[in-house]
N, C-alpha and C. Protein backbone atom coordinates (compact mmCIF):
# COMPACT_ATOMS: atom_id res chain seq x y z
N MET A 1 -7.52 37.11 57.35
CA MET A 1 -7.16 35.46 57.60
C MET A 1 -5.75 35.39 57.28
N GLY A 2 -5.49 35.97 55.93
CA GLY A 2 -4.04 35.67 55.69
C GLY A 2 -2.97 36.72 56.31
N LEU A 3 -3.21 37.69 56.85
CA LEU A 3 -2.53 38.54 57.40
C LEU A 3 -1.97 37.72 58.56
N VAL A 4 -3.05 37.09 59.53
CA VAL A 4 -2.82 36.53 60.70
C VAL A 4 -2.16 35.32 60.20
N LEU A 5 -2.40 34.50 59.56
CA LEU A 5 -1.69 33.34 59.35
C LEU A 5 -0.10 33.72 58.88
N GLY A 6 -0.13 34.70 57.95
CA GLY A 6 1.24 35.35 57.57
C GLY A 6 2.34 35.59 58.38
N PHE A 7 1.79 36.35 59.51
CA PHE A 7 2.32 36.84 60.89
C PHE A 7 2.76 35.65 61.84
N ILE A 8 1.59 34.92 61.98
CA ILE A 8 1.99 33.85 63.17
C ILE A 8 3.02 32.48 62.66
N LEU A 9 3.11 32.36 61.51
CA LEU A 9 3.85 31.20 60.90
C LEU A 9 5.09 31.44 61.03
N PRO A 10 5.80 32.76 60.65
CA PRO A 10 7.20 33.09 61.01
C PRO A 10 7.63 32.69 62.36
N LEU A 11 6.48 33.33 63.12
CA LEU A 11 7.16 33.25 64.72
C LEU A 11 7.08 31.89 65.38
N ILE A 12 6.16 30.99 64.72
CA ILE A 12 6.43 29.48 64.80
C ILE A 12 7.65 28.71 64.44
N VAL A 13 8.01 29.26 63.28
CA VAL A 13 9.26 28.83 62.61
C VAL A 13 10.30 29.28 63.51
N PHE A 14 10.26 30.54 63.93
CA PHE A 14 11.24 30.94 64.73
C PHE A 14 11.38 30.01 66.07
N LEU A 15 10.54 29.85 66.59
CA LEU A 15 10.47 29.20 67.90
C LEU A 15 11.01 27.70 67.61
N ILE A 16 10.40 27.10 66.59
CA ILE A 16 10.97 25.80 66.22
C ILE A 16 12.62 25.97 65.73
N ILE A 17 12.92 27.01 65.18
CA ILE A 17 14.73 27.14 65.11
C ILE A 17 15.30 26.91 66.47
N TYR A 18 14.56 27.86 67.43
CA TYR A 18 15.31 28.26 68.31
C TYR A 18 15.16 26.60 69.12
N ALA A 19 14.22 26.08 69.28
CA ALA A 19 14.06 24.83 69.89
C ALA A 19 15.05 23.52 69.45
N ILE A 20 15.07 23.64 68.25
CA ILE A 20 16.05 22.57 67.72
C ILE A 20 17.62 22.88 67.66
N LYS A 21 17.98 24.09 67.10
CA LYS A 21 19.05 24.42 67.02
C LYS A 21 19.78 24.99 68.05
N PHE A 22 19.22 25.75 69.34
CA PHE A 22 19.66 26.82 70.11
C PHE A 22 19.10 26.66 71.35
N ASN A 23 18.51 25.27 71.73
CA ASN A 23 17.95 25.14 73.04
C ASN A 23 18.75 25.21 74.09
N GLU A 24 20.35 25.39 73.87
CA GLU A 24 21.20 25.25 75.00
C GLU A 24 21.30 26.61 75.58
N PHE A 25 20.46 27.48 74.95
CA PHE A 25 20.71 28.87 75.20
C PHE A 25 19.28 29.32 75.94
N ALA A 26 19.23 30.18 76.95
CA ALA A 26 18.20 30.86 77.52
C ALA A 26 17.46 31.55 76.31
N LEU A 27 16.15 31.81 76.40
CA LEU A 27 15.50 32.36 75.26
C LEU A 27 16.11 34.02 75.30
N ASP A 28 16.43 34.70 76.47
CA ASP A 28 17.07 35.92 76.58
C ASP A 28 18.41 36.24 75.96
N ASP A 29 19.16 34.93 76.25
CA ASP A 29 20.48 34.84 75.64
C ASP A 29 20.60 34.83 74.24
N PHE A 30 19.66 33.88 73.55
CA PHE A 30 19.19 33.57 72.37
C PHE A 30 18.86 34.86 71.64
N PHE A 31 18.02 35.88 71.93
CA PHE A 31 17.80 37.33 71.44
C PHE A 31 19.06 38.09 71.72
N SER A 32 19.90 37.79 72.54
CA SER A 32 20.99 38.67 72.74
C SER A 32 22.11 38.13 71.60
N ARG A 33 21.90 37.08 71.28
CA ARG A 33 22.86 36.61 70.13
C ARG A 33 22.34 36.97 68.97
N PHE A 34 20.94 37.03 68.79
CA PHE A 34 20.12 37.14 67.75
C PHE A 34 20.61 38.92 66.98
N LYS A 35 20.67 39.65 68.09
CA LYS A 35 20.68 41.06 67.76
C LYS A 35 22.24 41.41 67.43
N SER A 36 23.36 40.64 68.04
CA SER A 36 24.75 40.83 67.46
C SER A 36 25.16 40.04 66.33
N ASP A 37 24.37 38.99 66.03
CA ASP A 37 25.04 37.95 64.90
C ASP A 37 23.90 38.17 63.47
N ARG A 38 24.47 39.01 62.61
CA ARG A 38 23.83 38.93 61.42
C ARG A 38 23.45 37.89 60.54
N SER A 39 24.46 36.86 60.40
CA SER A 39 24.12 35.78 60.06
C SER A 39 23.13 34.96 60.46
N LEU A 40 22.81 34.90 61.74
CA LEU A 40 21.65 34.50 62.67
C LEU A 40 20.50 35.30 62.17
N ILE A 41 20.45 36.53 61.93
CA ILE A 41 19.09 37.06 61.47
C ILE A 41 18.67 36.76 59.91
N THR A 42 19.89 36.38 59.25
CA THR A 42 19.64 35.87 57.90
C THR A 42 19.08 34.52 57.94
N PHE A 43 19.57 33.70 58.72
CA PHE A 43 19.10 32.29 58.71
C PHE A 43 17.68 32.32 59.11
N VAL A 44 17.47 32.90 60.31
CA VAL A 44 16.03 32.66 60.86
C VAL A 44 15.04 33.27 59.59
N GLY A 45 15.47 34.72 59.39
CA GLY A 45 14.53 35.38 58.62
C GLY A 45 14.10 34.47 57.28
N VAL A 46 15.44 33.97 56.34
CA VAL A 46 15.29 33.21 55.33
C VAL A 46 14.00 32.04 55.66
N TRP A 47 14.23 31.31 56.60
CA TRP A 47 13.38 29.98 56.74
C TRP A 47 11.96 30.51 57.33
N SER A 48 11.87 31.83 57.80
CA SER A 48 10.64 32.18 58.06
C SER A 48 10.10 32.61 56.55
N LEU A 49 10.54 33.08 55.88
CA LEU A 49 10.02 33.88 54.67
C LEU A 49 9.86 32.44 53.80
N VAL A 50 10.60 31.46 53.83
CA VAL A 50 10.15 30.45 53.13
C VAL A 50 8.84 29.67 53.69
N SER A 51 8.70 29.76 54.80
CA SER A 51 7.49 29.27 55.53
C SER A 51 6.05 30.10 54.59
N ASN A 52 6.50 31.40 54.53
CA ASN A 52 5.37 32.02 53.88
C ASN A 52 5.24 31.86 52.82
N ILE A 53 6.13 31.58 51.96
CA ILE A 53 6.13 31.18 50.29
C ILE A 53 5.41 30.12 50.55
N ALA A 54 5.76 29.08 51.04
CA ALA A 54 4.88 27.73 51.04
C ALA A 54 3.40 28.10 51.28
N LEU A 55 3.06 28.69 52.38
CA LEU A 55 1.73 29.08 52.74
C LEU A 55 1.17 29.95 51.67
N PHE A 56 1.92 30.76 50.80
CA PHE A 56 1.19 31.50 49.82
C PHE A 56 0.86 30.56 48.74
N THR A 57 1.72 29.93 48.21
CA THR A 57 1.62 28.95 47.18
C THR A 57 0.50 27.98 47.38
N TYR A 58 0.41 27.59 48.55
CA TYR A 58 -0.99 26.97 48.89
C TYR A 58 -2.38 27.44 48.62
N TYR A 59 -2.02 28.88 48.97
CA TYR A 59 -3.33 29.27 48.87
C TYR A 59 -3.67 29.97 47.46
N VAL A 60 -2.68 30.26 46.68
CA VAL A 60 -2.79 30.57 45.26
C VAL A 60 -3.44 29.24 44.71
N ASN A 61 -2.75 28.15 44.94
CA ASN A 61 -3.21 26.99 44.15
C ASN A 61 -4.36 26.54 44.60
N THR A 62 -5.05 26.87 45.61
CA THR A 62 -6.60 26.48 46.24
C THR A 62 -7.61 27.48 45.81
N GLN A 63 -6.86 28.43 45.10
CA GLN A 63 -7.64 29.83 44.32
C GLN A 63 -8.49 30.22 45.64
N LYS A 64 -7.67 30.40 46.78
CA LYS A 64 -8.08 31.21 47.71
C LYS A 64 -7.58 32.66 47.95
N ASP A 65 -7.70 33.62 46.75
CA ASP A 65 -7.01 34.63 46.42
C ASP A 65 -7.00 35.84 47.82
N ARG A 66 -7.89 36.17 48.46
CA ARG A 66 -8.00 36.90 49.34
C ARG A 66 -7.19 36.57 50.23
N THR A 67 -7.06 35.56 50.51
CA THR A 67 -5.87 34.98 51.81
C THR A 67 -4.51 34.97 51.28
N ALA A 68 -4.27 34.82 50.21
CA ALA A 68 -2.87 34.74 49.64
C ALA A 68 -2.51 36.14 49.45
N LYS A 69 -3.55 37.05 49.14
CA LYS A 69 -3.04 38.52 49.01
C LYS A 69 -2.80 39.11 50.47
N GLY A 70 -3.15 38.31 51.76
CA GLY A 70 -2.98 38.57 52.77
C GLY A 70 -1.49 38.05 53.43
N VAL A 71 -1.37 36.83 52.92
CA VAL A 71 0.24 36.09 53.04
C VAL A 71 1.23 37.14 52.52
N PHE A 72 0.74 37.14 51.11
CA PHE A 72 1.77 38.00 50.44
C PHE A 72 1.97 39.63 51.10
N ALA A 73 1.13 40.29 51.32
CA ALA A 73 1.33 41.44 52.07
C ALA A 73 2.29 41.62 53.33
N ILE A 74 1.88 40.64 54.24
CA ILE A 74 2.63 40.41 55.39
C ILE A 74 4.15 39.90 55.06
N THR A 75 4.45 39.22 54.15
CA THR A 75 5.35 38.54 53.83
C THR A 75 6.46 39.50 53.15
N LEU A 76 5.65 40.64 52.39
CA LEU A 76 6.64 41.89 52.23
C LEU A 76 7.06 42.44 53.36
N ILE A 77 6.07 42.94 54.14
CA ILE A 77 6.25 43.48 55.42
C ILE A 77 7.46 42.81 56.18
N TYR A 78 7.35 41.59 56.31
CA TYR A 78 8.15 40.91 57.36
C TYR A 78 9.51 41.09 56.55
N GLY A 79 9.58 40.75 55.20
CA GLY A 79 10.79 40.90 54.39
C GLY A 79 11.71 42.04 54.52
N ILE A 80 11.06 43.51 54.44
CA ILE A 80 11.36 44.54 54.73
C ILE A 80 12.12 44.62 56.43
N GLY A 81 11.27 44.13 56.99
CA GLY A 81 11.70 44.01 58.74
C GLY A 81 13.08 43.60 58.63
N VAL A 82 13.22 42.17 57.84
CA VAL A 82 14.49 41.50 58.12
C VAL A 82 15.55 42.21 57.63
N LEU A 83 15.43 42.70 56.53
CA LEU A 83 16.15 43.69 55.75
C LEU A 83 16.95 45.01 56.46
N LEU A 84 15.94 45.63 57.13
CA LEU A 84 16.17 46.83 57.92
C LEU A 84 16.91 46.07 59.35
N ALA A 85 16.56 44.94 59.81
CA ALA A 85 17.20 44.56 61.17
C ALA A 85 18.65 44.24 60.84
N LYS A 86 19.00 43.56 59.43
CA LYS A 86 20.42 43.28 59.06
C LYS A 86 21.05 44.79 58.83
N VAL A 87 20.38 45.67 58.18
CA VAL A 87 21.05 46.99 58.02
C VAL A 87 21.38 47.67 59.36
N LEU A 88 20.53 47.89 60.31
CA LEU A 88 20.28 48.76 61.52
C LEU A 88 20.90 48.18 62.66
N ILE A 89 21.28 46.69 62.64
CA ILE A 89 21.83 46.21 64.15
C ILE A 89 23.25 45.88 63.69
């Protein structure tokens, strides 16, 4: 369950950021800009990771450790992905 939640929440945050801050761009134009602008990768990546940190904290505090482990694992994978995107793009 934690893996699924930890995977979906950053995608939702990504779409919220797009809808609020970049709604004047078509989605494919936004992806093109996303690929070429490292600061945008950082901005979206940080907010997506913060959402997972909040989710992880909730599950740790409610003592749902198995779900928290899943959120933590997917957050690590996601963080490594953001770091690789910044380096390789």
